[in-house]
């Protein structure tokens, strides 16, 4: 099915995407007829069984892989290619660098340590109450703090699109709840477009503006579910106790169970 939630020109569009790996056993089809759109400023979540192809979709969007069939199109007023930031399961902070110089790493690689970008780093650290940790080494920080630093490092490169590949899965449950909420707040505050992949239904509901439900491999998009807490007068701080949260959970769970897959 084509999972499109908007009629206007989107920020990103995937049309009829197929992808396969080829090995000694021949073709292994991973993705089949993937169609989705992402609006500018939207927080999109892809949820589905482990190994279904969620991370492959991110790799295609980022250009690390090329689809066998179909087209990936970014729309912009100036026709410039988008800047893409990637957050992975592990923060990959360098232990021999302090927090500030870890954040600077992307700018150094891009050779873009301009006065404007240096000022942005300072502003982000100040805005999110991280200035006091600038000279600390990553080993002195909690897992949640390390992920916040990793996000600031990504934002410092001024990405147009953030790709989040299960960045909270290595954290314990309580830290995961807190940090994931913080990350959503920061991304929304900075007005960034984001795509998160996860196999955690509760996380998908808590973070997403729209949740795309994926099938088992070969992966297809089974449904697109708008998450509308604010529209229903429910503040983000209260969503997990809301009846609507359970309704979304049950709907997504049924969609996945219909495929006879286990999360």
Protein backbone atom coordinates (compact mmCIF):
# COMPACT_ATOMS: atom_id res chain seq x y z
CA UNK A 1 0.00 0.00 0.00
CA UNK A 2 1.11 3.60 -0.48
CA UNK A 3 1.50 5.22 2.90
CA UNK A 4 1.04 8.94 2.26
CA UNK A 5 -0.43 11.14 4.94
CA UNK A 6 -0.27 14.51 3.17
CA UNK A 7 -1.32 15.90 -0.21
CA UNK A 8 1.18 18.79 -0.47
CA UNK A 9 4.72 18.48 -1.81
CA UNK A 10 6.72 16.65 0.89
CA UNK A 11 10.27 17.16 2.13
CA UNK A 12 11.15 13.56 1.21
CA UNK A 13 9.42 10.97 -0.93
CA UNK A 14 10.16 7.27 -1.47
CA UNK A 15 8.46 5.83 -4.54
CA UNK A 16 8.20 2.08 -5.23
CA UNK A 17 11.50 1.24 -3.53
CA UNK A 18 12.81 -2.32 -3.85
CA UNK A 19 16.08 -3.53 -2.38
CA UNK A 20 17.82 -6.91 -2.40
CA UNK A 21 21.09 -8.35 -1.20
CA UNK A 22 22.92 -10.85 -3.38
CA UNK A 23 25.08 -13.65 -1.99
CA UNK A 24 26.02 -17.28 -2.42
CA UNK A 25 22.38 -18.29 -2.04
CA UNK A 26 21.23 -15.83 -4.68
CA UNK A 27 18.89 -12.88 -4.23
CA UNK A 28 17.54 -12.05 -0.77
CA UNK A 29 14.73 -9.52 -1.12
CA UNK A 30 14.74 -7.07 1.79
CA UNK A 31 12.35 -4.27 0.74
CA UNK A 32 9.37 -4.48 -1.57
CA UNK A 33 7.44 -1.53 -3.01
CA UNK A 34 8.16 0.96 -0.21
CA UNK A 35 6.16 4.18 -0.63
CA UNK A 36 6.19 6.91 1.99
CA UNK A 37 6.40 10.66 2.38
CA UNK A 38 7.95 12.81 5.09
CA UNK A 39 6.91 16.42 5.63
CA UNK A 40 9.38 19.13 6.65
CA UNK A 41 9.59 19.30 10.44
CA UNK A 42 7.87 15.95 10.88
CA UNK A 43 9.05 13.24 13.31
CA UNK A 44 8.43 9.95 11.51
CA UNK A 45 8.85 6.53 13.12
CA UNK A 46 9.30 3.20 11.36
CA UNK A 47 8.29 0.32 13.61
CA UNK A 48 8.43 -3.36 12.83
CA UNK A 49 10.03 -6.69 13.71
CA UNK A 50 13.77 -6.98 14.27
CA UNK A 51 15.55 -7.64 10.99
CA UNK A 52 12.65 -6.55 8.79
CA UNK A 53 14.63 -3.86 6.94
CA UNK A 54 14.10 -0.68 8.97
CA UNK A 55 17.80 0.25 9.06
CA UNK A 56 18.11 -0.55 5.35
CA UNK A 57 15.54 2.16 4.63
CA UNK A 58 17.69 4.68 6.51
CA UNK A 59 20.78 3.56 4.58
CA UNK A 60 18.93 4.11 1.30
CA UNK A 61 17.72 7.56 2.33
CA UNK A 62 21.24 8.56 3.38
CA UNK A 63 22.72 7.33 0.11
CA UNK A 64 24.82 4.59 1.69
CA UNK A 65 22.86 2.07 -0.39
CA UNK A 66 21.17 2.34 -3.78
CA UNK A 67 17.69 0.91 -4.43
CA UNK A 68 17.25 -1.85 -6.98
CA UNK A 69 14.05 -0.16 -8.17
CA UNK A 70 12.26 3.08 -7.36
CA UNK A 71 13.17 6.66 -6.60
CA UNK A 72 14.11 8.69 -3.52
CA UNK A 73 13.38 12.40 -3.95
CA UNK A 74 14.16 15.37 -1.72
CA UNK A 75 12.30 18.62 -2.36
CA UNK A 76 13.81 22.01 -1.54
CA UNK A 77 13.37 25.55 -2.73
CA UNK A 78 17.00 25.86 -3.84
CA UNK A 79 17.30 22.27 -5.22
CA UNK A 80 20.32 21.70 -2.96
CA UNK A 81 21.04 18.22 -1.67
CA UNK A 82 20.00 17.89 1.97
CA UNK A 83 22.52 17.66 4.79
CA UNK A 84 21.87 14.42 6.68
CA UNK A 85 22.81 13.67 10.28
CA UNK A 86 22.93 10.10 11.61
CA UNK A 87 22.49 8.92 15.21
CA UNK A 88 23.26 5.27 15.91
CA UNK A 89 22.61 2.86 18.75
CA UNK A 90 26.01 3.68 20.25
CA UNK A 91 27.09 7.28 20.72
CA UNK A 92 30.66 6.70 19.40
CA UNK A 93 32.10 9.49 21.54
CA UNK A 94 35.90 9.48 21.55
CA UNK A 95 37.17 8.83 25.06
CA UNK A 96 40.39 10.81 24.57
CA UNK A 97 38.42 13.96 23.69
CA UNK A 98 36.40 16.05 26.09
CA UNK A 99 32.74 16.80 25.44
CA UNK A 100 33.40 20.04 23.57
CA UNK A 101 35.93 18.50 21.20
CA UNK A 102 33.66 15.50 20.61
CA UNK A 103 30.94 17.90 19.52
CA UNK A 104 33.43 19.64 17.23
CA UNK A 105 34.34 16.41 15.43
CA UNK A 106 31.74 16.68 12.66
CA UNK A 107 32.68 20.28 11.94
CA UNK A 108 36.35 19.31 11.77
CA UNK A 109 35.64 16.51 9.31
CA UNK A 110 33.56 18.86 7.16
CA UNK A 111 36.21 21.59 7.50
CA UNK A 112 33.45 23.97 8.58
CA UNK A 113 34.69 25.41 11.89
CA UNK A 114 33.36 28.84 10.96
CA UNK A 115 32.61 31.52 13.55
CA UNK A 116 28.89 30.94 12.90
CA UNK A 117 29.15 27.21 13.56
CA UNK A 118 31.30 27.69 16.65
CA UNK A 119 28.70 30.11 17.96
CA UNK A 120 26.00 27.51 17.23
CA UNK A 121 27.84 24.90 19.31
CA UNK A 122 28.06 27.30 22.25
CA UNK A 123 24.40 28.24 21.85
CA UNK A 124 23.27 24.59 21.78
CA UNK A 125 25.33 23.75 24.86
CA UNK A 126 23.88 26.73 26.71
CA UNK A 127 20.30 26.15 25.55
CA UNK A 128 20.24 22.53 26.70
CA UNK A 129 22.14 23.05 29.96
CA UNK A 130 25.28 21.22 28.85
CA UNK A 131 27.83 24.02 29.11
CA UNK A 132 29.03 22.79 32.49
CA UNK A 133 30.12 19.47 30.96
CA UNK A 134 32.28 20.89 28.13
CA UNK A 135 35.61 19.82 29.64
CA UNK A 136 34.53 16.42 30.95
CA UNK A 137 35.53 13.18 29.26
CA UNK A 138 32.75 10.87 28.00
CA UNK A 139 33.66 8.20 30.55
CA UNK A 140 32.49 10.56 33.31
CA UNK A 141 28.98 10.88 31.83
CA UNK A 142 25.87 8.73 32.10
CA UNK A 143 24.53 6.89 29.06
CA UNK A 144 21.70 9.37 28.75
CA UNK A 145 24.03 12.36 28.89
CA UNK A 146 26.28 10.78 26.27
CA UNK A 147 23.34 10.46 23.87
CA UNK A 148 22.40 14.12 24.40
CA UNK A 149 25.98 15.07 23.57
CA UNK A 150 25.85 12.87 20.46
CA UNK A 151 22.68 14.69 19.37
CA UNK A 152 24.30 18.11 19.88
CA UNK A 153 27.31 16.90 17.85
CA UNK A 154 24.92 15.97 15.05
CA UNK A 155 22.97 19.25 15.24
CA UNK A 156 26.21 21.25 15.10
CA UNK A 157 26.61 20.25 11.45
CA UNK A 158 23.23 21.88 10.67
CA UNK A 159 21.53 18.80 9.17
CA UNK A 160 18.27 19.14 7.26
CA UNK A 161 17.31 15.56 8.15
CA UNK A 162 18.12 13.44 11.19
CA UNK A 163 18.19 9.66 10.84
CA UNK A 164 17.92 7.88 14.20
CA UNK A 165 18.79 4.18 14.14
CA UNK A 166 17.54 2.85 17.52
CA UNK A 167 19.69 5.37 19.42
CA UNK A 168 18.12 4.52 22.81
CA UNK A 169 18.22 0.72 22.73
CA UNK A 170 21.46 0.47 24.73
CA UNK A 171 20.02 2.48 27.65
CA UNK A 172 18.20 1.11 30.66
CA UNK A 173 14.42 1.54 30.70
CA UNK A 174 14.15 4.60 32.96
CA UNK A 175 17.00 6.43 31.23
CA UNK A 176 15.54 5.52 27.85
CA UNK A 177 12.19 7.13 28.73
CA UNK A 178 13.81 10.35 29.89
CA UNK A 179 16.41 10.68 27.12
CA UNK A 180 14.04 9.82 24.27
CA UNK A 181 11.66 12.53 25.47
CA UNK A 182 14.53 15.01 25.69
CA UNK A 183 15.72 14.12 22.19
CA UNK A 184 12.25 14.64 20.72
CA UNK A 185 11.98 18.01 22.50
CA UNK A 186 15.36 19.14 21.19
CA UNK A 187 14.59 18.03 17.63
CA UNK A 188 11.23 19.80 17.70
CA UNK A 189 12.75 22.93 19.26
CA UNK A 190 15.37 23.05 16.49
CA UNK A 191 12.62 22.44 13.89
CA UNK A 192 14.40 19.47 12.36
CA UNK A 193 12.91 16.68 10.28
CA UNK A 194 13.61 13.25 11.76
CA UNK A 195 13.11 9.57 10.97
CA UNK A 196 13.48 7.04 13.79
CA UNK A 197 13.55 3.27 13.46
CA UNK A 198 12.59 1.11 16.43
CA UNK A 199 10.95 -2.19 17.32
CA UNK A 200 9.53 -0.65 20.52
CA UNK A 201 5.85 0.22 20.02
CA UNK A 202 5.62 2.45 23.10
CA UNK A 203 8.68 4.41 21.97
CA UNK A 204 7.21 4.83 18.49
CA UNK A 205 3.96 6.24 19.90
CA UNK A 206 5.74 8.51 22.39
CA UNK A 207 8.04 10.12 19.83
CA UNK A 208 6.31 10.04 16.47
CA UNK A 209 4.03 12.41 14.62
CA UNK A 210 3.24 9.46 12.35
CA UNK A 211 4.12 5.77 12.74
CA UNK A 212 4.68 3.59 9.70
CA UNK A 213 4.07 -0.08 10.49
CA UNK A 214 6.37 -2.44 8.57
CA UNK A 215 5.90 -6.12 7.80
CA UNK A 216 8.35 -8.95 8.12
CA UNK A 217 10.93 -9.39 5.35
CA UNK A 218 10.56 -8.75 2.48
CA UNK A 219 9.51 -5.51 4.15
CA UNK A 220 6.44 -3.60 3.01
CA UNK A 221 4.59 -0.70 4.63
CA UNK A 222 1.37 -2.08 6.04
CA UNK A 223 -0.11 1.08 7.54
CA UNK A 224 0.56 4.73 8.42
CA UNK A 225 -0.91 5.86 11.74
CA UNK A 226 -0.98 9.60 12.61
CA UNK A 227 -0.24 10.18 16.31
CA UNK A 228 -2.51 13.01 17.41
CA UNK A 229 -2.18 13.61 21.15
CA UNK A 230 -1.95 17.40 20.83
CA UNK A 231 -4.92 17.45 18.47
CA UNK A 232 -6.90 15.67 21.18
CA UNK A 233 -5.77 18.09 23.90
CA UNK A 234 -3.29 15.71 25.55
CA UNK A 235 0.08 17.27 26.46
CA UNK A 236 3.19 15.19 25.75
CA UNK A 237 3.95 14.97 29.46
CA UNK A 238 0.75 12.96 30.01
CA UNK A 239 0.52 10.74 26.94
CA UNK A 240 1.60 7.46 28.54
CA UNK A 241 -1.28 7.58 31.01
CA UNK A 242 -3.85 8.54 28.36
CA UNK A 243 -6.42 6.08 27.05
CA UNK A 244 -5.45 7.13 23.52
CA UNK A 245 -1.92 5.82 24.11
CA UNK A 246 -3.27 2.33 24.77
CA UNK A 247 -5.53 2.58 21.73
CA UNK A 248 -2.57 3.40 19.51
CA UNK A 249 -0.56 0.58 21.10
CA UNK A 250 -3.31 -1.98 20.52
CA UNK A 251 -3.78 -0.86 16.91
CA UNK A 252 -0.08 -1.15 16.06
CA UNK A 253 0.26 -4.43 17.96
CA UNK A 254 -2.64 -5.93 16.00
CA UNK A 255 -1.08 -4.81 12.73
CA UNK A 256 2.18 -6.56 13.60
CA UNK A 257 0.54 -9.66 15.03
CA UNK A 258 -1.47 -10.06 11.83
CA UNK A 259 1.84 -10.69 10.13
CA UNK A 260 2.58 -13.51 12.61
CA UNK A 261 5.82 -11.85 13.66
CA UNK A 262 7.30 -11.24 17.08
CA UNK A 263 8.88 -8.01 18.21
